Each structure stands twice: as C-alpha cells, then as structure tokens.
Amino acid sequence: MTFTEVIEDVGKIVDGAGVTVTVIGLIVATANAARRTLNRAPDVYRGFRRELGRSILLGLELLVAADIIRTVAVTPTMESVAVLAAIVLIRTFLSFSLELEITGRWPWQKPDPGPTQARTGAEVATGG
C-alpha cells in the first residue's frame, strides 16, 4: 500500500467519523427532545436545536479535517487548494451561524455575566 492510498483511506475514515457524529447527534438530540416533551419540560425546541447544532458543528469539523488531509497530502494542486479554501470559508460561515443560533452571540463575543437585579433606593440606603 502506498502513502497516497493510506492518506486517502485515513481521509475516508475521518469523513465517516464526521457523518457518524452528525447522525448520532441527531438521534441523541431527537431522543432527548422526545423525553423532555413527554416530561413536559420547558423550552424543548431550544434544547433540541442546541444539541443538534453542536453535533453538526463537530461533524463539520471532522469533514473539513478529512478534506484537508486529502487535499494537502494527496493532491496539492492549486485547483484543489482553491476548492479546499472555498469549503473552509463555507464551513466557517456555517460554524459562526450555528454558534449564533446555539448561544445567541458571535464566537468572539464574551458571554453575558447574567442578569443583575436592580436595587431600589431604600435597599441601597439600608444595605439590604
């Protein structure tokens, strides 16, 4: 077996892992949403989207890694590198969009410290 064949096989394995992670994430997110629906938990849809989004993000990361492995190690032509760059740009856009959907903020934004309670003038004056 040649080096090129080994790298191609590794790329296929990583591709398979990306698809597997996405499918298992879909199954787990759906099962969790069904369980929460039966228990009448609040905000089932938002939790489902968050879990599914996380599995899609991880699956996309693995799929891009497989593309990088095959492009750089097997066929490093200008055309294949340009295609890889386009794939990475699309994946980055999808990743940012999913991050915004999941957390409600862009990846470079700091998380909210949480709601703070406003104190009335009487509470401030009495120390309460």
Protein backbone atom coordinates (compact mmCIF):
# COMPACT_ATOMS: atom_id res chain seq x y z
CA MET A 1 0.00 0.00 0.00
CA THR A 2 1.39 3.39 -0.99
CA PHE A 3 1.47 6.55 1.08
CA THR A 4 -1.20 8.13 -1.12
CA GLU A 5 -3.54 5.16 -0.60
CA VAL A 6 -3.03 5.28 3.18
CA ILE A 7 -3.77 9.00 3.32
CA GLU A 8 -6.84 8.52 1.11
CA ASP A 9 -8.07 5.78 3.47
CA VAL A 10 -7.46 7.99 6.52
CA GLY A 11 -9.44 10.76 4.83
CA LYS A 12 -12.33 8.35 4.20
CA ILE A 13 -12.26 7.22 7.83
CA VAL A 14 -12.36 10.80 9.09
CA ASP A 15 -15.19 11.53 6.60
CA GLY A 16 -17.09 8.56 8.00
CA ALA A 17 -16.49 9.79 11.54
CA GLY A 18 -17.90 13.21 10.63
CA VAL A 19 -21.07 11.70 9.19
CA THR A 20 -21.38 9.29 12.12
CA VAL A 21 -21.05 12.07 14.70
CA THR A 22 -23.74 14.09 12.93
CA VAL A 23 -26.15 11.16 12.65
CA ILE A 24 -25.61 10.02 16.26
CA GLY A 25 -26.04 13.63 17.39
CA LEU A 26 -29.34 13.82 15.51
CA ILE A 27 -30.56 10.59 17.12
CA VAL A 28 -29.50 11.64 20.63
CA ALA A 29 -30.94 15.16 20.27
CA THR A 30 -34.23 13.74 18.99
CA ALA A 31 -34.43 11.17 21.81
CA ASN A 32 -33.66 13.83 24.42
CA ALA A 33 -36.27 16.17 22.93
CA ALA A 34 -38.87 13.39 22.94
CA ARG A 35 -38.08 12.57 26.57
CA ARG A 36 -38.30 16.24 27.57
CA THR A 37 -41.58 16.60 25.67
CA LEU A 38 -43.08 13.62 27.49
CA ASN A 39 -41.94 15.13 30.81
CA ARG A 40 -43.46 18.46 29.76
CA ALA A 41 -40.15 20.25 30.23
CA PRO A 42 -39.99 23.89 29.14
CA ASP A 43 -38.06 25.07 26.08
CA VAL A 44 -37.77 21.66 24.38
CA TYR A 45 -37.26 23.14 20.92
CA ARG A 46 -34.40 25.39 22.00
CA GLY A 47 -32.63 22.48 23.71
CA PHE A 48 -33.10 20.30 20.64
CA ARG A 49 -31.61 22.96 18.38
CA ARG A 50 -28.67 23.48 20.72
CA GLU A 51 -27.84 19.76 20.90
CA LEU A 52 -28.30 19.23 17.18
CA GLY A 53 -26.24 22.32 16.37
CA ARG A 54 -23.35 21.08 18.49
CA SER A 55 -23.30 17.70 16.75
CA ILE A 56 -23.47 19.38 13.33
CA LEU A 57 -20.54 21.64 14.28
CA LEU A 58 -18.43 18.68 15.37
CA GLY A 59 -19.38 16.73 12.25
CA LEU A 60 -18.42 19.69 10.06
CA GLU A 61 -15.06 19.98 11.80
CA LEU A 62 -14.31 16.33 11.04
CA LEU A 63 -15.45 16.64 7.42
CA VAL A 64 -13.20 19.65 6.89
CA ALA A 65 -10.31 17.80 8.53
CA ALA A 66 -10.81 14.94 6.06
CA ASP A 67 -10.82 17.39 3.16
CA ILE A 68 -7.61 18.98 4.43
CA ILE A 69 -5.93 15.59 4.81
CA ARG A 70 -6.79 14.56 1.26
CA THR A 71 -6.09 17.93 -0.34
CA VAL A 72 -2.76 18.68 1.26
CA ALA A 73 -1.31 15.18 1.44
CA VAL A 74 -2.67 13.59 -1.73
CA THR A 75 -3.41 16.17 -4.42
CA PRO A 76 -1.79 19.52 -3.59
CA THR A 77 -2.68 21.34 -6.82
CA MET A 78 -3.74 24.97 -6.99
CA GLU A 79 -7.24 23.89 -8.02
CA SER A 80 -7.64 21.50 -5.08
CA VAL A 81 -6.30 24.09 -2.64
CA ALA A 82 -8.77 26.68 -4.02
CA VAL A 83 -11.63 24.21 -3.59
CA LEU A 84 -10.46 23.50 -0.05
CA ALA A 85 -10.34 27.23 0.70
CA ALA A 86 -13.93 27.60 -0.52
CA ILE A 87 -15.03 24.64 1.63
CA VAL A 88 -13.31 26.09 4.69
CA LEU A 89 -14.93 29.51 4.11
CA ILE A 90 -18.38 27.93 3.81
CA ARG A 91 -17.77 25.81 6.91
CA THR A 92 -16.59 28.83 8.86
CA PHE A 93 -19.73 30.75 7.89
CA LEU A 94 -21.90 27.78 8.90
CA SER A 95 -19.98 27.41 12.15
CA PHE A 96 -20.44 31.07 13.05
CA SER A 97 -24.12 30.92 12.15
CA LEU A 98 -24.67 27.81 14.26
CA GLU A 99 -22.74 29.33 17.16
CA LEU A 100 -25.00 32.38 16.99
CA GLU A 101 -28.09 30.14 16.95
CA ILE A 102 -26.87 27.98 19.84
CA THR A 103 -25.51 30.60 22.21
CA GLY A 104 -27.13 33.80 20.98
CA ARG A 105 -23.77 35.50 20.49
CA TRP A 106 -20.93 35.52 17.98
CA PRO A 107 -17.90 33.34 18.79
CA TRP A 108 -15.72 36.39 19.51
CA GLN A 109 -18.20 37.96 21.92
CA LYS A 110 -17.84 37.43 25.66
CA PRO A 111 -20.69 35.59 27.38
CA ASP A 112 -23.22 37.65 29.31
CA PRO A 113 -22.43 37.76 33.04
CA GLY A 114 -26.10 37.05 33.72
CA PRO A 115 -28.97 39.22 34.81
CA THR A 116 -28.31 41.60 37.63
CA GLN A 117 -31.02 42.67 39.95
CA ALA A 118 -31.63 46.36 40.26
CA ARG A 119 -31.71 47.57 43.85
CA THR A 120 -34.13 50.23 44.94
CA GLY A 121 -33.01 53.38 46.69
CA ALA A 122 -34.37 52.03 50.00
CA GLU A 123 -32.34 48.80 49.66
CA VAL A 124 -29.18 50.77 48.95
CA ALA A 125 -29.78 53.11 51.90
CA THR A 126 -30.43 50.27 54.36
CA GLY A 127 -27.74 47.97 52.97
CA GLY A 128 -30.37 45.34 52.03
